[in-house]
Amino acid sequence: MPPAEQDGTGLSLSVSLAGLPKDADLQLTLPGDYADYARVSLGQLLETVFPADEAARQSVEDKLDVGENPDLPDIYDCFLPVIDQHRRGLCSLKLTTGLEGSDSIPAQLSDLVSRYWQLTPAGSGDNPPCSRLALTIEPEYCALDYAVAQGYWENPAELLAWLQTHTLLYFLDKHEYRLPAPVDAGRGVALSDTVENLCHRNLLHAAEDTGAEDTGAYRITPAGRQFIGALLAETESYIDRFDEFKDVFWDEETGAAEFDTGYGDDLRVPVFIAEGLDPVRTVFLLRLYDGALDQFAATWPELIGDADFFNRILEPVVNRAHAPEELLPAIIEDGYAYTEAQAESAREAQVQARIARQVAGNSPNRSS
């Protein structure tokens, strides 16, 4: 945003977003006397620059100095989803300040802007002083805290235990990981507690000394196999019911939706929530099914006690696209209709293929 007055007043602001290139900073100057911002917090400043109201956002975009940098509108748009996620409680914002060439300083949203700005003294003639502020924003996603805050789980410990048991079963089943019994105490409390939990539930047991290759290792019991089978059936039901919602483009005014466009948003998590499902459970089972944990096949015993590891795996729960609540029911209805139409087309194709085979089999020209 160019200065409202060409007299050096206002707050010169540079905002960068973690993950964007270094040259993708949002450069703008907020109009007015810089002293007007002395009593404003960093959080209030971000609300001014990235307001929730669409008309107010457009007003900010209209004043961006595209002559200086034509990419500023695109850069501005990169910030909006992150700020919106923060408003909805899906992420926290880690802030650091510091102009180029100076050390970065951690900051809080409640801190006053004047604590971090750099004042430029008055110049010659009538040039008044101004201020400069450089701010870096990094979103931090914590799906475990979100699940508890939203009431899907009573506490983080209960949720973490559920994630640990399913992770251990996954690697013992799919990767045939050999976990010696008893668990070496040096491998951590989380691993031994998870094994004890599964053994207590008769889903796991230590192989007896029968001379078999897996003697002295934990093995999945028949009850454990049934448990895993039920989880697979549950996961496949989610895929059958909701897979179309991973690529949705919708009309902002009518809510009419298109699917499998190649350029739509993944709305599966909002749909899970709208349909009364626990998004953490659903997303985690889908990620197991998709093999998202396979890259940790060698290190999972050490990671199983790390809540941050599961927050990374579950990031899609909170780092997600958003559809307006008033439009979501129409999008869901269109999605189910699309799924049924696709299924009907597949059934018709099967019937036609079967008829074609029968005709070919009854043809008099068929070679003997």
Protein backbone atom coordinates (compact mmCIF):
# COMPACT_ATOMS: atom_id res chain seq x y z
CA MET A 1 0.00 0.00 0.00
CA PRO A 2 1.64 3.28 -1.03
CA PRO A 3 1.88 6.10 1.46
CA ALA A 4 -1.28 8.12 1.82
CA GLU A 5 0.85 11.25 2.08
CA GLN A 6 4.23 11.64 0.48
CA ASP A 7 5.72 13.08 3.63
CA GLY A 8 7.30 10.04 5.23
CA THR A 9 4.46 9.44 7.69
CA GLY A 10 2.83 6.08 8.32
CA LEU A 11 4.11 2.67 9.24
CA SER A 12 6.30 0.95 6.67
CA LEU A 13 5.60 -2.77 7.01
CA SER A 14 7.29 -5.86 5.59
CA VAL A 15 5.54 -9.17 6.26
CA SER A 16 6.98 -12.56 5.28
CA LEU A 17 5.39 -15.99 5.53
CA ALA A 18 7.40 -19.07 6.43
CA GLY A 19 7.67 -21.34 3.40
CA LEU A 20 7.49 -18.59 0.80
CA PRO A 21 10.63 -17.48 -1.09
CA LYS A 22 12.69 -14.71 0.49
CA ASP A 23 11.70 -12.29 -2.25
CA ALA A 24 7.98 -12.89 -1.59
CA ASP A 25 7.66 -10.40 1.26
CA LEU A 26 4.53 -8.29 1.41
CA GLN A 27 5.69 -4.68 1.37
CA LEU A 28 3.17 -1.97 2.24
CA THR A 29 2.90 1.34 4.05
CA LEU A 30 -0.03 1.93 6.36
CA PRO A 31 -1.25 5.53 6.07
CA GLY A 32 -1.47 8.05 8.87
CA ASP A 33 0.98 9.26 11.46
CA TYR A 34 3.27 6.47 12.62
CA ALA A 35 2.46 7.47 16.21
CA ASP A 36 -1.11 6.25 15.60
CA TYR A 37 0.25 2.70 15.75
CA ALA A 38 2.08 3.11 19.05
CA ARG A 39 -0.82 1.67 21.07
CA VAL A 40 -1.70 -1.06 18.53
CA SER A 41 -0.78 -4.71 19.18
CA LEU A 42 0.75 -6.96 16.55
CA GLY A 43 -2.48 -8.94 16.50
CA GLN A 44 -4.52 -5.82 15.84
CA LEU A 45 -2.08 -4.81 13.14
CA LEU A 46 -2.56 -8.16 11.36
CA GLU A 47 -6.33 -7.71 11.56
CA THR A 48 -5.92 -4.33 9.85
CA VAL A 49 -3.76 -5.74 7.07
CA PHE A 50 -5.66 -9.04 6.65
CA PRO A 51 -9.25 -8.27 7.68
CA ALA A 52 -11.95 -10.94 7.76
CA ASP A 53 -14.38 -8.86 5.72
CA GLU A 54 -14.07 -9.44 1.98
CA ALA A 55 -14.76 -5.80 1.10
CA ALA A 56 -12.10 -4.63 3.53
CA ARG A 57 -9.61 -7.09 2.03
CA GLN A 58 -10.34 -5.78 -1.43
CA SER A 59 -9.72 -2.26 -0.17
CA VAL A 60 -6.26 -3.32 1.01
CA GLU A 61 -5.51 -5.08 -2.29
CA ASP A 62 -6.62 -2.05 -4.30
CA LYS A 63 -3.99 0.07 -2.58
CA LEU A 64 -1.06 -2.30 -3.07
CA ASP A 65 1.75 -0.71 -5.05
CA VAL A 66 1.65 -3.04 -8.06
CA GLY A 67 3.75 -0.56 -10.01
CA GLU A 68 6.62 -1.28 -7.62
CA ASN A 69 5.89 -5.03 -7.48
CA PRO A 70 3.16 -6.55 -9.71
CA ASP A 71 3.26 -9.78 -7.65
CA LEU A 72 1.97 -8.12 -4.47
CA PRO A 73 -1.69 -9.19 -4.94
CA ASP A 74 -0.62 -12.84 -5.35
CA ILE A 75 1.66 -12.57 -2.32
CA TYR A 76 -1.16 -10.99 -0.31
CA ASP A 77 -3.47 -13.89 -1.22
CA CYS A 78 -0.94 -16.39 0.16
CA PHE A 79 -1.35 -14.91 3.64
CA LEU A 80 -5.15 -14.97 3.75
CA PRO A 81 -5.73 -18.75 4.25
CA VAL A 82 -3.23 -18.83 7.13
CA ILE A 83 -4.79 -15.85 8.89
CA ASP A 84 -8.26 -17.35 8.36
CA GLN A 85 -7.10 -20.67 9.86
CA HIS A 86 -5.83 -18.78 12.89
CA ARG A 87 -9.19 -17.06 13.32
CA ARG A 88 -10.95 -20.44 13.27
CA GLY A 89 -8.58 -21.88 15.88
CA LEU A 90 -6.87 -24.26 13.46
CA CYS A 91 -3.34 -22.96 14.01
CA SER A 92 -1.30 -20.63 16.18
CA LEU A 93 0.99 -17.98 14.76
CA LYS A 94 4.67 -17.92 15.64
CA LEU A 95 5.95 -14.38 15.15
CA THR A 96 9.46 -13.04 14.83
CA THR A 97 10.57 -9.51 14.08
CA GLY A 98 13.77 -7.93 12.86
CA LEU A 99 14.84 -5.84 9.92
CA GLU A 100 17.28 -7.21 7.34
CA GLY A 101 20.75 -7.53 8.81
CA SER A 102 19.50 -7.70 12.41
CA ASP A 103 18.77 -10.64 14.69
CA SER A 104 15.27 -12.11 14.72
CA ILE A 105 13.32 -11.46 17.91
CA PRO A 106 10.42 -13.67 19.05
CA ALA A 107 7.19 -11.72 19.46
CA GLN A 108 3.63 -12.28 20.67
CA LEU A 109 0.37 -11.17 19.09
CA SER A 110 -0.40 -9.19 22.25
CA ASP A 111 2.86 -7.19 22.08
CA LEU A 112 2.66 -3.56 21.05
CA VAL A 113 3.93 -2.66 17.59
CA SER A 114 6.03 0.12 19.08
CA ARG A 115 8.07 -2.47 20.96
CA TYR A 116 9.60 -3.70 17.72
CA TRP A 117 9.50 -0.91 15.17
CA GLN A 118 12.56 0.97 14.08
CA LEU A 119 12.13 4.74 14.03
CA THR A 120 13.62 6.81 11.25
CA PRO A 121 14.43 10.33 12.49
CA ALA A 122 13.16 13.42 10.75
CA GLY A 123 15.06 14.40 7.64
CA SER A 124 15.92 17.76 6.22
CA GLY A 125 13.21 20.30 5.52
CA ASP A 126 9.69 19.26 6.46
CA ASN A 127 10.24 15.47 6.36
CA PRO A 128 8.83 14.02 9.63
CA PRO A 129 10.03 10.82 11.28
CA CYS A 130 8.53 7.46 10.24
CA SER A 131 8.74 3.89 11.45
CA ARG A 132 9.58 0.51 9.93
CA LEU A 133 8.57 -2.95 11.05
CA ALA A 134 9.54 -6.35 9.64
CA LEU A 135 7.41 -9.31 10.72
CA THR A 136 7.68 -13.01 9.91
CA ILE A 137 4.67 -15.30 10.36
CA GLU A 138 4.93 -19.06 10.76
CA PRO A 139 1.75 -21.11 11.29
CA GLU A 140 1.98 -23.92 13.84
CA TYR A 141 -0.55 -26.74 13.55
CA CYS A 142 -1.46 -28.92 16.54
CA ALA A 143 -4.16 -31.41 15.64
CA LEU A 144 -4.01 -33.12 19.04
CA ASP A 145 -4.84 -29.92 20.94
CA TYR A 146 -7.55 -29.11 18.39
CA ALA A 147 -9.20 -32.51 18.85
CA VAL A 148 -9.36 -32.06 22.61
CA ALA A 149 -10.52 -28.43 22.39
CA GLN A 150 -13.35 -29.45 20.06
CA GLY A 151 -14.43 -32.29 22.36
CA TYR A 152 -13.55 -35.20 20.10
CA TRP A 153 -11.26 -36.59 22.82
CA GLU A 154 -11.21 -36.00 26.56
CA ASN A 155 -7.50 -35.32 26.85
CA PRO A 156 -4.29 -35.48 24.79
CA ALA A 157 -3.01 -38.54 26.67
CA GLU A 158 -6.05 -40.63 25.68
CA LEU A 159 -5.74 -39.57 22.05
CA LEU A 160 -1.99 -40.18 21.98
CA ALA A 161 -2.48 -43.69 23.38
CA TRP A 162 -5.01 -44.45 20.61
CA LEU A 163 -2.60 -43.22 17.94
CA GLN A 164 0.26 -45.24 19.43
CA THR A 165 -1.66 -48.53 19.51
CA HIS A 166 -2.75 -48.19 15.89
CA THR A 167 0.74 -47.19 14.78
CA LEU A 168 2.33 -50.20 16.44
CA LEU A 169 -0.22 -52.61 14.95
CA TYR A 170 0.29 -51.02 11.52
CA PHE A 171 4.03 -51.65 11.45
CA LEU A 172 3.79 -55.15 12.91
CA ASP A 173 1.14 -56.02 10.34
CA LYS A 174 2.02 -54.29 7.06
CA HIS A 175 5.80 -54.13 7.51
CA GLU A 176 6.09 -57.37 9.53
CA TYR A 177 8.30 -55.50 11.97
CA ARG A 178 9.97 -57.87 14.43
CA LEU A 179 9.62 -56.40 17.93
CA PRO A 180 11.55 -58.52 20.46
CA ALA A 181 9.79 -59.55 23.65
CA PRO A 182 10.04 -58.21 26.25
CA VAL A 183 10.51 -54.64 25.06
CA ASP A 184 13.95 -53.27 25.82
CA ALA A 185 13.52 -50.66 28.55
CA GLY A 186 15.94 -48.42 26.70
CA ARG A 187 13.45 -48.03 23.83
CA GLY A 188 11.21 -45.79 25.87
CA VAL A 189 8.17 -45.90 28.11
CA ALA A 190 5.75 -45.10 25.29
CA LEU A 191 6.65 -48.21 23.32
CA SER A 192 6.51 -50.57 26.32
CA ASP A 193 3.22 -49.07 27.55
CA THR A 194 1.68 -49.47 24.11
CA VAL A 195 2.75 -53.11 23.91
CA GLU A 196 1.35 -53.75 27.39
CA ASN A 197 -1.95 -52.14 26.40
CA LEU A 198 -2.29 -54.30 23.28
CA CYS A 199 -1.35 -57.47 25.14
CA HIS A 200 -3.91 -56.68 27.85
CA ARG A 201 -6.57 -56.35 25.12
CA ASN A 202 -5.46 -59.69 23.60
CA LEU A 203 -4.55 -58.01 20.33
CA LEU A 204 -0.86 -58.85 20.75
CA HIS A 205 1.13 -61.53 22.51
CA ALA A 206 4.68 -62.75 22.79
CA ALA A 207 5.35 -65.78 20.61
CA GLU A 208 6.03 -68.90 22.64
CA ASP A 209 9.26 -70.86 22.43
CA THR A 210 8.20 -73.20 19.62
CA GLY A 211 11.26 -72.92 17.46
CA ALA A 212 9.44 -70.68 15.00
CA GLU A 213 11.26 -67.83 13.35
CA ASP A 214 9.33 -65.21 15.33
CA THR A 215 10.02 -66.86 18.70
CA GLY A 216 10.81 -64.19 21.26
CA ALA A 217 8.93 -61.48 19.35
CA TYR A 218 5.48 -60.00 19.67
CA ARG A 219 2.88 -61.34 17.31
CA ILE A 220 -0.61 -60.17 16.37
CA THR A 221 -3.28 -62.48 17.81
CA PRO A 222 -6.34 -63.77 15.90
CA ALA A 223 -8.36 -61.15 17.78
CA GLY A 224 -5.83 -58.58 16.61
CA ARG A 225 -6.29 -59.70 13.01
CA GLN A 226 -10.05 -59.25 13.36
CA PHE A 227 -9.48 -55.83 14.88
CA ILE A 228 -7.28 -54.80 11.93
CA GLY A 229 -9.82 -56.18 9.47
CA ALA A 230 -12.55 -54.07 11.04
CA LEU A 231 -10.35 -50.98 10.77
CA LEU A 232 -9.70 -51.69 7.09
CA ALA A 233 -13.42 -52.06 6.44
CA GLU A 234 -14.10 -48.80 8.28
CA THR A 235 -11.41 -46.97 6.30
CA GLU A 236 -12.64 -48.29 2.95
CA SER A 237 -16.14 -47.11 3.83
CA TYR A 238 -14.74 -43.58 4.30
CA ILE A 239 -13.06 -43.80 0.90
CA ASP A 240 -16.24 -45.01 -0.80
CA ARG A 241 -18.34 -42.31 0.82
CA PHE A 242 -16.09 -39.27 0.84
CA ASP A 243 -13.36 -39.65 -1.77
CA GLU A 244 -15.14 -37.33 -4.22
CA PHE A 245 -14.73 -34.45 -1.77
CA LYS A 246 -10.95 -34.37 -2.14
CA ASP A 247 -11.26 -32.19 -5.26
CA VAL A 248 -14.17 -29.74 -5.12
CA PHE A 249 -14.74 -26.46 -6.91
CA TRP A 250 -17.88 -24.57 -5.94
CA ASP A 251 -19.78 -21.43 -6.86
CA GLU A 252 -19.50 -18.91 -4.02
CA GLU A 253 -23.04 -17.61 -4.62
CA THR A 254 -25.06 -20.77 -5.23
CA GLY A 255 -22.91 -23.47 -3.65
CA ALA A 256 -23.21 -25.58 -6.81
CA ALA A 257 -20.18 -27.85 -6.86
CA GLU A 258 -18.02 -29.63 -9.41
CA PHE A 259 -15.89 -32.67 -8.58
CA ASP A 260 -12.66 -34.20 -9.90
CA THR A 261 -11.79 -30.91 -11.57
CA GLY A 262 -8.04 -31.01 -11.05
CA TYR A 263 -8.11 -27.53 -9.54
CA GLY A 264 -10.55 -27.82 -6.63
CA ASP A 265 -10.04 -27.85 -2.86
CA ASP A 266 -9.86 -30.87 -0.57
CA LEU A 267 -13.01 -30.58 1.56
CA ARG A 268 -12.95 -34.04 3.11
CA VAL A 269 -12.24 -32.85 6.65
CA PRO A 270 -15.03 -30.21 6.69
CA VAL A 271 -17.38 -32.89 5.33
CA PHE A 272 -16.26 -35.42 7.97
CA ILE A 273 -17.08 -32.88 10.66
CA ALA A 274 -20.41 -31.92 9.08
CA GLU A 275 -21.36 -35.61 8.98
CA GLY A 276 -20.57 -36.09 12.68
CA LEU A 277 -17.28 -37.98 12.34
CA ASP A 278 -14.16 -37.52 14.45
CA PRO A 279 -11.75 -35.91 11.95
CA VAL A 280 -8.66 -37.12 13.81
CA ARG A 281 -9.73 -40.75 13.76
CA THR A 282 -10.87 -40.55 10.15
CA VAL A 283 -7.79 -38.77 8.82
CA PHE A 284 -5.39 -41.03 10.71
CA LEU A 285 -6.99 -44.21 9.38
CA LEU A 286 -6.89 -42.79 5.85
CA ARG A 287 -3.24 -41.86 6.23
CA LEU A 288 -2.45 -45.40 7.40
CA TYR A 289 -4.32 -46.76 4.40
CA ASP A 290 -2.46 -44.44 2.00
CA GLY A 291 0.94 -45.44 3.40
CA ALA A 292 1.80 -41.99 4.77
CA LEU A 293 3.68 -43.61 7.67
CA ASP A 294 5.76 -45.97 5.53
CA GLN A 295 8.68 -43.56 5.39
CA PHE A 296 9.09 -44.06 9.16
CA ALA A 297 9.38 -47.86 8.99
CA ALA A 298 12.87 -47.79 10.53
CA THR A 299 12.32 -45.04 13.12
CA TRP A 300 8.74 -45.41 14.36
CA PRO A 301 9.71 -47.09 17.68
CA GLU A 302 11.61 -43.93 18.64
CA LEU A 303 8.92 -41.58 17.28
CA ILE A 304 5.91 -43.28 18.83
CA GLY A 305 6.23 -41.29 22.04
CA ASP A 306 6.58 -37.93 20.26
CA ALA A 307 3.34 -35.93 20.12
CA ASP A 308 4.86 -33.62 17.48
CA PHE A 309 5.32 -36.63 15.19
CA PHE A 310 1.58 -37.30 15.29
CA ASN A 311 0.81 -33.60 14.87
CA ARG A 312 2.77 -33.69 11.62
CA ILE A 313 0.96 -36.81 10.43
CA LEU A 314 -2.40 -35.29 11.35
CA GLU A 315 -1.74 -31.80 9.96
CA PRO A 316 -4.48 -32.20 7.30
CA VAL A 317 -7.02 -32.13 10.15
CA VAL A 318 -6.25 -28.47 10.81
CA ASN A 319 -4.32 -27.26 7.74
CA ARG A 320 -7.31 -27.50 5.46
CA ALA A 321 -9.46 -25.65 2.98
CA HIS A 322 -12.63 -23.97 4.17
CA ALA A 323 -16.08 -23.86 2.60
CA PRO A 324 -18.68 -21.40 3.92
CA GLU A 325 -20.96 -23.14 6.41
CA GLU A 326 -24.07 -21.94 4.61
CA LEU A 327 -22.88 -23.59 1.38
CA LEU A 328 -21.51 -26.85 2.78
CA PRO A 329 -24.86 -28.73 2.92
CA ALA A 330 -25.45 -28.06 -0.79
CA ILE A 331 -21.89 -29.14 -1.62
CA ILE A 332 -22.34 -32.36 0.35
CA GLU A 333 -25.64 -33.10 -1.39
CA ASP A 334 -24.05 -32.54 -4.80
CA GLY A 335 -21.14 -34.77 -3.80
CA TYR A 336 -23.35 -37.69 -2.82
CA ALA A 337 -25.33 -37.28 -6.05
CA TYR A 338 -22.08 -37.26 -8.04
CA THR A 339 -20.86 -40.40 -6.24
CA GLU A 340 -24.11 -42.22 -6.98
CA ALA A 341 -24.00 -41.13 -10.63
CA GLN A 342 -20.44 -42.42 -10.94
CA ALA A 343 -21.44 -45.72 -9.35
CA GLU A 344 -24.43 -46.03 -11.68
CA SER A 345 -22.21 -45.37 -14.70
CA ALA A 346 -19.80 -48.05 -13.51
CA ARG A 347 -22.67 -50.55 -13.10
CA GLU A 348 -23.97 -49.76 -16.59
CA ALA A 349 -20.48 -50.19 -18.04
CA GLN A 350 -20.21 -53.60 -16.37
CA VAL A 351 -23.57 -54.67 -17.78
CA GLN A 352 -22.62 -53.52 -21.28
CA ALA A 353 -19.29 -55.33 -21.04
CA ARG A 354 -21.03 -58.53 -19.93
CA ILE A 355 -23.52 -58.31 -22.80
CA ALA A 356 -20.70 -57.71 -25.27
CA ARG A 357 -18.89 -60.82 -24.01
CA GLN A 358 -22.06 -62.91 -24.31
CA VAL A 359 -22.72 -61.66 -27.87
CA ALA A 360 -19.14 -62.40 -28.83
CA GLY A 361 -19.41 -65.87 -27.32
CA ASN A 362 -22.59 -66.66 -29.26
CA SER A 363 -21.32 -65.30 -32.57
CA PRO A 364 -21.43 -67.87 -35.44
CA ASN A 365 -18.06 -66.60 -36.57
CA ARG A 366 -16.52 -67.61 -33.29
CA SER A 367 -13.55 -69.87 -33.93
CA SER A 368 -13.73 -73.33 -32.44
